[in-house]
């Protein structure tokens, strides 16, 4: 379809020299495959848009298609067999829609970035899986991507943890290998050192509300940590080690990987140079209470960016500035995406404004992709207050519910545990992706793990149903949707065994088949929209559209009935194989596996 698009654009450019040629995708296949809105060109030429569309339709030709004026639009409608051949050839090669050519655009994606000593909550799913999808989509489209995990392993919260450990753990539970007598009883799976660090953190914040002097104790410990105190550094290193072991286990379960896990502490020895650069540039000045700040009124931001507290300690902004300067030097990137919650919008506005002042090189390269926060029905989650939903509880519950459905409907299914894991995680990840990134999500069990409707398992089921059809058709067809190379976090474009497009394609001129082909053709646009909008939602919606139209095709276009002629059968099997490949590739980019049986 990309070749058709380029041919259409070239013909339009020849007919309309000097005009901007931007194509759109019609709403349905009946209207056509591509549309050219004539508004701008007609205005420049001084003619009504419908008149221009009619003139272009009369004097242009496209091989394999017809041009139709539809009001102010010029629509290209491919002939049914041409549409089928273009799509099948694009999807039945080794890589769906072909491998995107590598290009020089370097993209950094910073995502997940959990805080040390805190367990993953359902809120962490958003940054982790939105960021993973963005990294994968950009890689699939040919960008050179670096996947960065900016761990929250520095800051005043470590003063809190150090103070809490000294108060309630060091004497009686130094290895954090026992339950605290003052804490609520916890499930067996949570009896680990990281959860006990979380309990210490929550208790400290609960008690400091009644005793504000405790905050000075936490600040003092963080100051000791920044000054290199050996005891503070020893405990900090241990807390980090405990946390990373748990983080890696969760990432492995989600199929997520990173190229660098340089946390805030990594930039500690670069803070002084970053502050000095601000000082030399004349941007740093003394603010209220002795803090060192950068004023941003000329950038339309009334709140100054605090770089150093009055006591000389660094803050989040200091470390992000140092990180940006390091990345400039190390990666010379074209775009740097920060997949961080919408509660940090002001922080990134300040950060980007300071960087633009410091070096014009940064202008246009820095992008904050904010996402709405996850809320409980009773309000926003908070690890300080302890009212959180832990991510692994959600994943385990989803898998448990799927397993029960499998036991009821298909108890003899091979590899039931593996399939239940794939479907359970698929339900949770797809639910998140389908929701607009910017909007907040209210967490509710029935919505997250629903296995019907607009859900991940619905798309996964479409894939499994196609695989079942192809297995019945014979081993050669079953092989057409199997991978020729392993798929893992280091892969973006899946590689399938080579499949042959039949010489003849009868039986695909049915409306249901043409509708499915039209939705398959929309996948590349969905990927580009996901890249442009910095969210997986366009991809998730397109996969749903493909799955739904396949259901119509499966119902209305018999495939394996004995009275179906062989050429029709083979053409429809080829369309089944192409659809399975598109679904599997799209789900994979989102971090979702596509089982062959359900």
Protein backbone atom coordinates (compact mmCIF):
# COMPACT_ATOMS: atom_id res chain seq x y z
CA UNK A 1 0.00 0.00 0.00
CA UNK A 2 2.95 2.34 0.59
CA UNK A 3 3.90 2.03 -3.10
CA UNK A 4 0.33 2.88 -4.10
CA UNK A 5 0.39 5.88 -1.77
CA UNK A 6 3.66 7.13 -3.24
CA UNK A 7 2.33 6.68 -6.79
CA UNK A 8 -0.83 8.64 -5.93
CA UNK A 9 1.20 11.42 -4.29
CA UNK A 10 3.55 11.60 -7.28
CA UNK A 11 0.62 11.88 -9.70
CA UNK A 12 -0.95 14.62 -7.60
CA UNK A 13 2.35 16.50 -7.37
CA UNK A 14 2.62 16.37 -11.15
CA UNK A 15 -0.95 17.63 -11.59
CA UNK A 16 -0.62 20.28 -8.86
CA UNK A 17 2.98 21.58 -8.98
CA UNK A 18 3.98 23.55 -5.92
CA UNK A 19 1.00 22.40 -3.82
CA UNK A 20 1.25 20.54 -0.52
CA UNK A 21 0.14 16.93 -1.02
CA UNK A 22 -1.25 15.34 2.15
CA UNK A 23 -3.33 12.16 1.90
CA UNK A 24 -5.96 10.90 4.29
CA UNK A 25 -7.53 7.52 4.94
CA UNK A 26 -11.27 7.30 4.16
CA UNK A 27 -13.61 5.97 6.83
CA UNK A 28 -14.55 2.80 4.92
CA UNK A 29 -13.43 0.78 1.94
CA UNK A 30 -16.53 1.75 -0.05
CA UNK A 31 -15.25 5.34 -0.19
CA UNK A 32 -11.81 4.29 -1.35
CA UNK A 33 -8.34 3.43 -0.10
CA UNK A 34 -6.82 6.92 -0.06
CA UNK A 35 -8.27 10.42 -0.16
CA UNK A 36 -6.83 13.79 -1.14
CA UNK A 37 -8.65 16.76 0.47
CA UNK A 38 -8.67 19.53 -2.11
CA UNK A 39 -9.32 22.49 0.19
CA UNK A 40 -5.83 24.05 0.32
CA UNK A 41 -4.94 23.47 -3.29
CA UNK A 42 -8.33 24.78 -4.44
CA UNK A 43 -7.91 27.94 -2.38
CA UNK A 44 -4.45 28.54 -3.84
CA UNK A 45 -5.76 28.00 -7.38
CA UNK A 46 -8.92 30.05 -6.85
CA UNK A 47 -11.40 27.29 -7.67
CA UNK A 48 -14.06 25.52 -5.55
CA UNK A 49 -12.74 22.29 -3.93
CA UNK A 50 -15.44 20.05 -5.55
CA UNK A 51 -14.56 21.47 -8.97
CA UNK A 52 -10.86 20.74 -8.45
CA UNK A 53 -11.67 17.17 -7.33
CA UNK A 54 -13.72 16.62 -10.49
CA UNK A 55 -11.00 18.04 -12.73
CA UNK A 56 -8.33 15.84 -11.16
CA UNK A 57 -10.51 12.73 -11.44
CA UNK A 58 -11.00 13.41 -15.15
CA UNK A 59 -7.32 13.88 -16.06
CA UNK A 60 -5.43 11.53 -13.71
CA UNK A 61 -5.02 7.74 -13.86
CA UNK A 62 -3.66 5.22 -11.35
CA UNK A 63 -2.86 1.63 -12.34
CA UNK A 64 -5.22 -0.84 -10.71
CA UNK A 65 -7.62 1.78 -9.37
CA UNK A 66 -10.14 4.45 -10.19
CA UNK A 67 -10.24 8.07 -9.09
CA UNK A 68 -13.59 9.34 -7.86
CA UNK A 69 -14.57 12.88 -6.91
CA UNK A 70 -16.58 12.87 -3.68
CA UNK A 71 -17.44 16.46 -2.94
CA UNK A 72 -14.19 18.26 -2.00
CA UNK A 73 -12.24 14.97 -1.89
CA UNK A 74 -10.47 13.02 -4.60
CA UNK A 75 -10.66 9.35 -3.62
CA UNK A 76 -8.49 6.56 -4.96
CA UNK A 77 -10.40 3.27 -4.96
CA UNK A 78 -8.36 0.20 -5.85
CA UNK A 79 -9.96 -2.62 -7.79
CA UNK A 80 -10.79 -5.55 -5.46
CA UNK A 81 -8.06 -7.86 -6.79
CA UNK A 82 -5.47 -5.06 -6.81
CA UNK A 83 -6.32 -4.20 -3.19
CA UNK A 84 -5.99 -7.85 -2.20
CA UNK A 85 -2.68 -8.41 -3.99
CA UNK A 86 -1.08 -5.24 -2.64
CA UNK A 87 -1.99 -6.14 0.95
CA UNK A 88 -1.18 -9.84 0.78
CA UNK A 89 2.23 -9.20 -0.77
CA UNK A 90 2.96 -6.64 1.95
CA UNK A 91 1.96 -8.98 4.78
CA UNK A 92 3.15 -12.39 3.59
CA UNK A 93 6.81 -11.48 3.17
CA UNK A 94 9.26 -12.29 5.99
CA UNK A 95 8.26 -9.13 7.93
CA UNK A 96 4.73 -7.67 7.94
CA UNK A 97 4.69 -4.61 5.65
CA UNK A 98 8.42 -5.09 5.06
CA UNK A 99 11.34 -3.96 7.16
CA UNK A 100 11.44 -0.21 7.60
CA UNK A 101 14.74 1.19 6.36
CA UNK A 102 17.05 2.33 9.13
CA UNK A 103 17.53 6.07 9.21
CA UNK A 104 19.60 8.51 11.17
CA UNK A 105 16.95 9.71 13.61
CA UNK A 106 18.12 8.91 17.14
CA UNK A 107 15.28 8.64 19.65
CA UNK A 108 15.65 8.31 23.41
CA UNK A 109 12.68 6.97 25.36
CA UNK A 110 12.76 7.35 29.13
CA UNK A 111 10.10 5.26 30.81
CA UNK A 112 9.11 3.17 33.82
CA UNK A 113 11.65 4.85 36.15
CA UNK A 114 10.39 3.37 39.45
CA UNK A 115 11.56 4.59 42.81
CA UNK A 116 13.93 2.35 44.68
CA UNK A 117 12.45 0.63 47.75
CA UNK A 118 8.89 0.76 46.40
CA UNK A 119 6.95 -2.09 44.87
CA UNK A 120 5.37 -1.73 41.43
CA UNK A 121 1.78 -0.55 41.64
CA UNK A 122 -0.82 -0.59 38.89
CA UNK A 123 0.23 3.04 38.33
CA UNK A 124 3.69 1.88 37.19
CA UNK A 125 2.07 -0.10 34.39
CA UNK A 126 1.25 3.07 32.45
CA UNK A 127 4.76 4.47 32.12
CA UNK A 128 6.32 1.03 31.64
CA UNK A 129 4.03 -0.25 28.89
CA UNK A 130 3.35 3.09 27.14
CA UNK A 131 7.10 3.64 27.01
CA UNK A 132 7.77 0.08 25.86
CA UNK A 133 5.25 0.46 23.01
CA UNK A 134 6.73 3.80 21.95
CA UNK A 135 10.24 2.37 21.93
CA UNK A 136 9.08 -0.63 19.90
CA UNK A 137 7.06 1.40 17.40
CA UNK A 138 9.94 3.81 16.80
CA UNK A 139 12.32 0.89 16.31
CA UNK A 140 9.87 -0.81 13.94
CA UNK A 141 9.68 2.40 11.90
CA UNK A 142 13.45 2.52 11.54
CA UNK A 143 14.62 4.88 14.29
CA UNK A 144 17.74 4.25 16.35
CA UNK A 145 16.24 3.93 19.82
CA UNK A 146 17.80 3.95 23.26
CA UNK A 147 15.50 2.64 26.02
CA UNK A 148 16.31 4.46 29.25
CA UNK A 149 15.18 3.66 32.77
CA UNK A 150 15.86 6.72 34.93
CA UNK A 151 15.61 4.95 38.28
CA UNK A 152 14.51 7.02 41.25
CA UNK A 153 17.51 6.02 43.31
CA UNK A 154 18.38 9.41 44.81
CA UNK A 155 16.54 12.13 46.64
CA UNK A 156 14.96 13.01 49.96
CA UNK A 157 12.92 9.79 50.04
CA UNK A 158 16.17 8.00 50.83
CA UNK A 159 16.57 10.18 53.86
CA UNK A 160 13.13 8.92 54.88
CA UNK A 161 14.11 5.29 54.33
CA UNK A 162 17.40 5.63 56.16
CA UNK A 163 15.74 7.31 59.14
CA UNK A 164 12.94 4.72 59.21
CA UNK A 165 15.39 1.80 59.00
CA UNK A 166 17.45 3.20 61.84
CA UNK A 167 14.35 3.73 64.00
CA UNK A 168 12.46 0.48 63.52
CA UNK A 169 14.61 -2.15 61.79
CA UNK A 170 18.32 -1.93 62.48
CA UNK A 171 18.20 -3.26 66.04
CA UNK A 172 15.69 -6.10 65.73
CA UNK A 173 15.33 -6.85 62.00
CA UNK A 174 18.58 -5.70 60.35
CA UNK A 175 18.35 -8.07 57.34
CA UNK A 176 14.65 -7.30 56.82
CA UNK A 177 14.04 -11.05 56.76
CA UNK A 178 11.33 -11.08 59.43
CA UNK A 179 7.85 -9.62 59.68
CA UNK A 180 7.54 -6.47 61.77
CA UNK A 181 5.46 -7.06 64.92
CA UNK A 182 3.82 -3.63 64.49
CA UNK A 183 2.75 -4.22 60.87
CA UNK A 184 -0.38 -5.89 59.55
CA UNK A 185 -0.10 -9.53 58.57
CA UNK A 186 0.96 -9.86 54.93
CA UNK A 187 0.52 -12.61 52.31
CA UNK A 188 3.34 -15.11 51.94
CA UNK A 189 4.36 -13.76 48.51
CA UNK A 190 5.06 -10.34 50.07
CA UNK A 191 7.35 -11.62 52.80
CA UNK A 192 10.49 -10.17 51.27
CA UNK A 193 12.90 -7.34 52.14
CA UNK A 194 11.53 -4.93 49.53
CA UNK A 195 8.00 -5.03 50.92
CA UNK A 196 9.37 -4.45 54.41
CA UNK A 197 11.18 -1.35 53.11
CA UNK A 198 7.81 -0.21 51.78
CA UNK A 199 6.26 -0.77 55.22
CA UNK A 200 8.99 1.34 56.82
CA UNK A 201 8.41 4.11 54.29
CA UNK A 202 4.65 4.18 54.91
CA UNK A 203 5.03 4.13 58.70
CA UNK A 204 7.48 7.04 58.67
CA UNK A 205 5.14 9.23 56.64
CA UNK A 206 2.17 8.32 58.81
CA UNK A 207 4.00 9.27 61.99
CA UNK A 208 5.63 12.42 60.64
CA UNK A 209 2.16 13.88 60.13
CA UNK A 210 1.88 13.90 63.91
CA UNK A 211 5.55 14.74 64.54
CA UNK A 212 6.87 17.18 61.88
CA UNK A 213 10.31 17.13 63.53
CA UNK A 214 10.84 13.73 61.93
CA UNK A 215 11.17 15.50 58.57
CA UNK A 216 14.36 17.18 59.79
CA UNK A 217 15.69 13.75 60.71
CA UNK A 218 15.03 12.50 57.16
CA UNK A 219 16.62 15.59 55.62
CA UNK A 220 19.69 15.11 57.79
CA UNK A 221 20.11 11.54 56.59
CA UNK A 222 19.81 12.58 52.95
CA UNK A 223 22.41 15.29 53.52
CA UNK A 224 24.74 12.64 54.95
CA UNK A 225 24.07 10.50 51.88
CA UNK A 226 24.97 13.36 49.50
CA UNK A 227 28.11 14.12 51.51
CA UNK A 228 29.33 10.54 51.11
CA UNK A 229 28.77 9.27 54.65
CA UNK A 230 29.89 5.61 54.61
CA UNK A 231 26.95 4.25 56.62
CA UNK A 232 24.38 6.11 54.55
CA UNK A 233 26.04 4.94 51.33
CA UNK A 234 26.21 1.32 52.55
CA UNK A 235 22.51 1.17 53.36
CA UNK A 236 21.55 3.06 50.19
CA UNK A 237 23.49 0.56 48.05
CA UNK A 238 21.79 -2.35 49.80
CA UNK A 239 18.32 -0.85 49.38
CA UNK A 240 19.05 -0.35 45.67
CA UNK A 241 20.25 -3.95 45.26
CA UNK A 242 17.11 -5.33 46.94
CA UNK A 243 14.90 -3.23 44.70
CA UNK A 244 16.60 -4.00 41.38
CA UNK A 245 16.28 -7.74 41.92
CA UNK A 246 12.51 -7.36 42.24
CA UNK A 247 12.27 -4.88 39.35
CA UNK A 248 14.10 -7.24 36.97
CA UNK A 249 11.73 -10.06 37.87
CA UNK A 250 8.68 -7.93 37.01
CA UNK A 251 10.26 -6.62 33.79
CA UNK A 252 11.01 -10.19 32.68
CA UNK A 253 7.38 -11.13 33.26
CA UNK A 254 6.19 -8.15 31.19
CA UNK A 255 8.74 -8.78 28.42
CA UNK A 256 10.31 -5.36 28.90
CA UNK A 257 14.02 -4.53 28.66
CA UNK A 258 16.22 -1.44 28.72
CA UNK A 259 19.48 -0.34 27.16
CA UNK A 260 20.48 1.68 30.23
CA UNK A 261 19.36 1.75 33.87
CA UNK A 262 21.21 4.89 34.87
CA UNK A 263 19.33 6.21 37.86
CA UNK A 264 19.49 9.65 39.38
CA UNK A 265 22.54 8.60 41.40
CA UNK A 266 24.47 7.98 38.18
CA UNK A 267 24.52 11.74 37.59
CA UNK A 268 25.70 12.66 41.09
CA UNK A 269 29.25 13.43 39.97
CA UNK A 270 27.87 15.50 37.08
CA UNK A 271 25.71 17.79 39.19
CA UNK A 272 28.47 20.27 39.97
CA UNK A 273 29.34 20.68 36.28
CA UNK A 274 25.68 21.23 35.37
CA UNK A 275 25.28 23.86 38.09
CA UNK A 276 28.54 25.52 37.04
CA UNK A 277 27.33 25.70 33.45
CA UNK A 278 24.17 27.47 34.59
CA UNK A 279 26.28 29.82 36.68
CA UNK A 280 28.65 30.59 33.81
CA UNK A 281 25.72 31.26 31.50
CA UNK A 282 24.39 33.84 33.94
CA UNK A 283 21.14 31.95 34.43
CA UNK A 284 21.51 31.01 38.09
CA UNK A 285 20.54 33.46 40.80
CA UNK A 286 19.55 33.48 44.44
CA UNK A 287 15.86 33.04 45.17
CA UNK A 288 13.63 33.12 48.18
CA UNK A 289 15.21 31.66 51.31
CA UNK A 290 18.63 31.29 49.70
CA UNK A 291 17.74 28.65 47.10
CA UNK A 292 19.50 28.83 43.73
CA UNK A 293 17.00 29.28 40.91
CA UNK A 294 16.53 30.02 37.20
CA UNK A 295 13.80 32.54 36.39
CA UNK A 296 11.56 31.62 33.45
CA UNK A 297 9.09 34.52 33.11
CA UNK A 298 10.40 35.25 29.61
CA UNK A 299 9.40 31.70 28.64
CA UNK A 300 5.89 32.23 29.97
CA UNK A 301 6.48 30.26 33.18
CA UNK A 302 5.92 32.25 36.35
CA UNK A 303 7.29 29.64 38.75
CA UNK A 304 11.11 29.66 38.82
CA UNK A 305 13.03 26.42 38.49
CA UNK A 306 14.77 25.57 41.76
CA UNK A 307 18.18 24.05 41.04
CA UNK A 308 19.64 23.87 44.55
CA UNK A 309 17.91 24.07 47.91
CA UNK A 310 19.04 26.65 50.43
CA UNK A 311 21.16 23.99 52.20
CA UNK A 312 22.97 23.25 48.93
CA UNK A 313 21.39 19.84 48.28
CA UNK A 314 20.20 18.90 44.81
CA UNK A 315 16.63 18.22 43.76
CA UNK A 316 14.89 16.33 40.96
CA UNK A 317 15.40 19.21 38.50
CA UNK A 318 19.15 19.33 39.18
CA UNK A 319 19.53 15.67 38.34
CA UNK A 320 17.33 15.90 35.24
CA UNK A 321 19.41 18.82 33.96
CA UNK A 322 22.61 16.83 34.46
CA UNK A 323 21.01 13.82 32.74
CA UNK A 324 19.94 15.89 29.70
CA UNK A 325 23.43 17.33 29.30
CA UNK A 326 24.97 13.86 29.59
CA UNK A 327 22.55 12.48 26.98
CA UNK A 328 23.33 15.37 24.64
CA UNK A 329 27.01 14.51 24.84
CA UNK A 330 26.56 10.72 24.71
CA UNK A 331 23.76 10.17 22.21
CA UNK A 332 23.46 13.42 20.16
CA UNK A 333 19.77 12.56 19.94
CA UNK A 334 17.06 13.99 17.68
CA UNK A 335 14.20 13.39 20.11
CA UNK A 336 14.09 12.58 23.80
CA UNK A 337 10.70 11.33 25.05
CA UNK A 338 9.89 11.41 28.76
CA UNK A 339 6.98 9.07 29.54
CA UNK A 340 6.12 10.51 32.94
CA UNK A 341 2.80 11.25 34.65
CA UNK A 342 0.80 14.41 34.03
CA UNK A 343 1.44 15.60 37.59
CA UNK A 344 4.96 16.46 36.38
CA UNK A 345 3.90 18.79 33.55
CA UNK A 346 5.24 21.92 35.23
CA UNK A 347 8.53 20.21 36.05
CA UNK A 348 9.16 19.36 32.40
CA UNK A 349 8.06 22.79 31.20
CA UNK A 350 10.67 24.25 33.54
CA UNK A 351 13.32 21.70 32.58
CA UNK A 352 12.89 22.24 28.85
CA UNK A 353 12.83 26.03 29.26
CA UNK A 354 16.08 25.99 31.24
CA UNK A 355 17.73 23.73 28.64
CA UNK A 356 16.59 25.99 25.79
CA UNK A 357 18.13 28.97 27.56
CA UNK A 358 21.32 27.07 28.23
CA UNK A 359 21.77 25.73 24.70
CA UNK A 360 19.49 26.35 21.68
CA UNK A 361 20.45 22.85 20.49
CA UNK A 362 17.76 21.44 22.79
CA UNK A 363 14.89 23.36 21.18
CA UNK A 364 12.34 21.04 19.61
CA UNK A 365 14.12 17.89 20.72
CA UNK A 366 12.63 17.44 24.19
CA UNK A 367 9.16 15.89 24.50
CA UNK A 368 7.12 15.16 27.59
CA UNK A 369 4.53 12.43 26.93
CA UNK A 370 2.36 12.82 30.04
CA UNK A 371 -0.20 10.24 31.04
CA UNK A 372 -3.19 10.46 33.31
CA UNK A 373 -2.72 9.03 36.74
CA UNK A 374 -4.31 5.80 37.93
CA UNK A 375 -6.85 6.39 40.66
CA UNK A 376 -8.72 4.19 43.08
CA UNK A 377 -12.50 4.70 43.27
CA UNK A 378 -11.90 6.63 46.49
CA UNK A 379 -9.13 8.85 45.11
CA UNK A 380 -5.50 9.02 43.95
CA UNK A 381 -3.14 6.27 45.00
CA UNK A 382 -0.27 7.16 47.32
CA UNK A 383 2.63 5.01 48.49
CA UNK A 384 3.08 7.40 51.39
CA UNK A 385 -0.38 6.52 52.68
CA UNK A 386 -0.19 2.88 51.64
CA UNK A 387 -3.45 2.94 49.62
CA UNK A 388 -2.15 1.30 46.47
CA UNK A 389 -3.02 -1.60 44.19
CA UNK A 390 0.12 -3.63 43.54
CA UNK A 391 0.76 -4.47 39.91
CA UNK A 392 1.55 -8.11 40.52
CA UNK A 393 -1.74 -8.56 42.37
CA UNK A 394 -3.54 -7.32 39.24
CA UNK A 395 -1.52 -9.58 36.95
CA UNK A 396 -2.01 -12.63 39.18
CA UNK A 397 -5.74 -11.99 39.53
CA UNK A 398 -6.13 -11.60 35.77
CA UNK A 399 -4.27 -14.86 35.16
CA UNK A 400 -6.37 -16.65 37.81
CA UNK A 401 -9.62 -15.54 36.19
CA UNK A 402 -8.45 -16.53 32.73
CA UNK A 403 -7.31 -19.92 34.04
CA UNK A 404 -10.80 -20.53 35.44
CA UNK A 405 -12.37 -19.73 32.05
CA UNK A 406 -9.95 -22.10 30.30
CA UNK A 407 -10.78 -24.88 32.77
CA UNK A 408 -14.47 -24.36 32.04
CA UNK A 409 -14.35 -24.04 28.23
CA UNK A 410 -11.22 -25.90 27.11
CA UNK A 411 -9.85 -28.06 29.97
CA UNK A 412 -7.71 -30.14 27.61
CA UNK A 413 -5.86 -27.12 26.20
CA UNK A 414 -2.10 -27.80 26.06
CA UNK A 415 0.12 -25.40 27.99
CA UNK A 416 -2.81 -23.98 29.97
CA UNK A 417 -0.58 -22.07 32.38
CA UNK A 418 1.37 -20.38 29.60
CA UNK A 419 -1.79 -19.39 27.72
CA UNK A 420 -3.44 -18.12 30.93
CA UNK A 421 -0.38 -15.95 31.58
CA UNK A 422 -0.43 -14.56 28.02
CA UNK A 423 -4.15 -13.78 28.13
CA UNK A 424 -4.11 -12.36 31.66
CA UNK A 425 -1.24 -10.00 30.95
CA UNK A 426 -2.74 -9.19 27.56
CA UNK A 427 -5.99 -8.13 29.22
CA UNK A 428 -4.24 -5.75 31.61
CA UNK A 429 -1.79 -4.23 29.10
CA UNK A 430 -4.37 -3.79 26.34
CA UNK A 431 -6.82 -2.14 28.76
CA UNK A 432 -4.19 0.45 29.56
CA UNK A 433 -3.21 0.99 25.91
CA UNK A 434 -6.80 1.40 24.74
CA UNK A 435 -7.34 4.29 27.14
CA UNK A 436 -6.14 7.65 25.85
CA UNK A 437 -2.73 8.30 27.38
CA UNK A 438 -3.63 11.78 28.62
CA UNK A 439 -6.80 10.79 30.45
CA UNK A 440 -6.72 9.46 34.03
CA UNK A 441 -7.86 5.91 34.68
CA UNK A 442 -10.00 4.89 37.64
CA UNK A 443 -8.87 1.41 38.58
CA UNK A 444 -11.70 -1.11 38.80
CA UNK A 445 -11.22 -4.87 38.70
CA UNK A 446 -14.20 -5.56 36.42
CA UNK A 447 -12.90 -3.16 33.75
CA UNK A 448 -9.25 -4.19 33.90
CA UNK A 449 -9.71 -7.94 33.57
CA UNK A 450 -12.80 -8.11 31.37
CA UNK A 451 -12.19 -10.79 28.77
CA UNK A 452 -14.80 -9.76 26.21
CA UNK A 453 -15.68 -6.62 24.26
CA UNK A 454 -12.90 -4.18 23.36
CA UNK A 455 -10.18 -6.14 25.09
CA UNK A 456 -6.80 -7.71 24.48
CA UNK A 457 -8.13 -11.27 24.77
CA UNK A 458 -10.67 -10.49 22.03
CA UNK A 459 -7.79 -9.63 19.67
CA UNK A 460 -5.77 -12.60 20.93
CA UNK A 461 -8.75 -14.88 20.30
CA UNK A 462 -8.99 -13.68 16.69
CA UNK A 463 -5.36 -14.69 16.23
CA UNK A 464 -5.89 -18.10 17.85
CA UNK A 465 -9.01 -18.73 15.74
CA UNK A 466 -7.06 -18.01 12.54
CA UNK A 467 -4.26 -20.36 13.65
CA UNK A 468 -6.86 -23.08 14.21
CA UNK A 469 -8.22 -22.59 10.67
CA UNK A 470 -4.71 -22.75 9.20
CA UNK A 471 -3.84 -25.93 11.14
CA UNK A 472 -6.93 -27.59 9.68
CA UNK A 473 -5.85 -26.47 6.21
CA UNK A 474 -2.51 -28.28 6.51
CA UNK A 475 1.01 -27.86 7.85
CA UNK A 476 2.14 -25.51 5.07
CA UNK A 477 -0.56 -23.00 6.01
CA UNK A 478 0.06 -23.43 9.74
CA UNK A 479 3.74 -22.71 9.13
CA UNK A 480 2.84 -19.44 7.38
CA UNK A 481 2.06 -17.73 10.71
CA UNK A 482 4.92 -19.16 12.75
CA UNK A 483 8.06 -17.22 13.53
CA UNK A 484 11.28 -17.99 11.69
CA UNK A 485 13.38 -16.25 14.36
CA UNK A 486 12.97 -15.88 18.13
CA UNK A 487 11.07 -12.84 19.42
CA UNK A 488 12.17 -11.04 22.56
CA UNK A 489 12.63 -7.55 24.00
CA UNK A 490 15.53 -6.88 21.63
CA UNK A 491 13.30 -7.43 18.56
CA UNK A 492 10.73 -5.02 17.12
CA UNK A 493 9.90 -6.46 13.67
CA UNK A 494 8.89 -10.13 13.81
CA UNK A 495 10.29 -12.48 11.20
CA UNK A 496 7.90 -15.12 9.82
CA UNK A 497 8.43 -18.07 7.55
CA UNK A 498 8.03 -17.12 3.91
CA UNK A 499 4.51 -17.60 2.53
CA UNK A 500 3.49 -17.49 -1.11
CA UNK A 501 0.71 -15.28 -2.42
CA UNK A 502 -1.53 -17.38 -4.73
CA UNK A 503 -1.35 -16.56 -8.42
CA UNK A 504 -5.10 -16.00 -8.51
CA UNK A 505 -7.19 -14.33 -5.81
CA UNK A 506 -10.84 -15.18 -6.44
CA UNK A 507 -13.27 -15.01 -3.56
CA UNK A 508 -11.79 -11.84 -2.06
CA UNK A 509 -14.11 -9.47 -3.86
CA UNK A 510 -16.80 -10.12 -1.25
CA UNK A 511 -17.58 -7.00 0.86
CA UNK A 512 -16.48 -8.72 4.08
CA UNK A 513 -13.10 -9.60 2.55
CA UNK A 514 -12.62 -6.12 1.13
CA UNK A 515 -13.51 -4.58 4.48
CA UNK A 516 -10.87 -6.73 6.21
CA UNK A 517 -8.26 -5.78 3.60
CA UNK A 518 -9.10 -2.11 4.16
CA UNK A 519 -8.54 -2.42 7.93
CA UNK A 520 -5.26 -4.28 7.41
CA UNK A 521 -4.13 -1.41 5.18
CA UNK A 522 -4.74 0.94 8.10
CA UNK A 523 -2.07 -0.63 10.31
CA UNK A 524 0.92 1.37 8.97
CA UNK A 525 -0.99 4.63 9.51
CA UNK A 526 -1.88 3.49 13.03
CA UNK A 527 1.81 2.90 13.74
CA UNK A 528 2.76 6.34 12.43
CA UNK A 529 -0.04 7.90 14.50
CA UNK A 530 1.22 6.09 17.58
CA UNK A 531 4.68 7.48 16.89
CA UNK A 532 3.39 11.02 16.31
CA UNK A 533 0.93 11.08 19.22
CA UNK A 534 3.30 9.28 21.63
CA UNK A 535 0.72 6.68 22.67
CA UNK A 536 -0.23 3.10 21.81
CA UNK A 537 -3.95 3.92 21.57
CA UNK A 538 -4.11 4.27 17.73
CA UNK A 539 -2.45 0.87 17.40
CA UNK A 540 -4.77 -0.78 19.93
CA UNK A 541 -7.85 0.61 18.21
CA UNK A 542 -6.67 -0.53 14.77
CA UNK A 543 -6.01 -4.06 16.06
CA UNK A 544 -9.55 -4.14 17.43
CA UNK A 545 -10.90 -3.00 14.06
CA UNK A 546 -8.97 -5.78 12.32
CA UNK A 547 -10.19 -8.41 14.80
CA UNK A 548 -13.80 -7.30 14.43
CA UNK A 549 -13.74 -7.23 10.64
CA UNK A 550 -12.07 -10.65 10.59
CA UNK A 551 -15.04 -11.98 12.57
CA UNK A 552 -17.34 -10.72 9.80
CA UNK A 553 -15.11 -12.21 7.11
CA UNK A 554 -14.98 -15.57 8.90
CA UNK A 555 -18.79 -15.66 9.14
CA UNK A 556 -19.62 -14.46 5.65
CA UNK A 557 -16.82 -15.98 3.58
CA UNK A 558 -16.60 -19.79 4.01
CA UNK A 559 -13.02 -21.04 3.90
CA UNK A 560 -12.79 -24.80 4.43
CA UNK A 561 -16.23 -26.02 3.41
CA UNK A 562 -16.01 -28.96 0.98
CA UNK A 563 -17.83 -27.10 -1.80
CA UNK A 564 -15.35 -24.19 -1.82
CA UNK A 565 -13.18 -24.29 -4.94
CA UNK A 566 -9.44 -24.62 -4.36
CA UNK A 567 -8.45 -21.17 -5.75
CA UNK A 568 -11.05 -19.45 -3.54
CA UNK A 569 -9.98 -21.52 -0.56
CA UNK A 570 -6.30 -20.65 -1.03
CA UNK A 571 -7.00 -16.94 -1.49
CA UNK A 572 -9.04 -16.83 1.70
CA UNK A 573 -6.43 -18.83 3.61
CA UNK A 574 -3.81 -16.33 2.43
CA UNK A 575 -5.95 -13.50 3.80
CA UNK A 576 -6.29 -15.41 7.10
CA UNK A 577 -2.50 -15.79 7.32
CA UNK A 578 -1.95 -12.11 6.53
CA UNK A 579 -4.43 -11.12 9.23
CA UNK A 580 -2.79 -13.35 11.85
CA UNK A 581 0.61 -11.85 11.08
CA UNK A 582 -0.72 -8.30 11.37
CA UNK A 583 -2.40 -9.06 14.71
CA UNK A 584 0.66 -10.80 16.14
CA UNK A 585 3.02 -8.04 15.03
CA UNK A 586 0.80 -5.28 16.40
CA UNK A 587 0.24 -7.01 19.75
CA UNK A 588 3.96 -7.73 20.05
CA UNK A 589 4.84 -4.05 19.67
CA UNK A 590 2.57 -3.36 22.65
CA UNK A 591 4.18 -6.09 24.76
CA UNK A 592 1.38 -8.65 24.31
CA UNK A 593 1.83 -12.23 23.18
CA UNK A 594 -0.52 -13.90 20.67
CA UNK A 595 -1.27 -17.54 21.57
CA UNK A 596 -1.95 -20.03 18.79
CA UNK A 597 -4.56 -21.86 20.86
CA UNK A 598 -7.08 -20.72 23.46
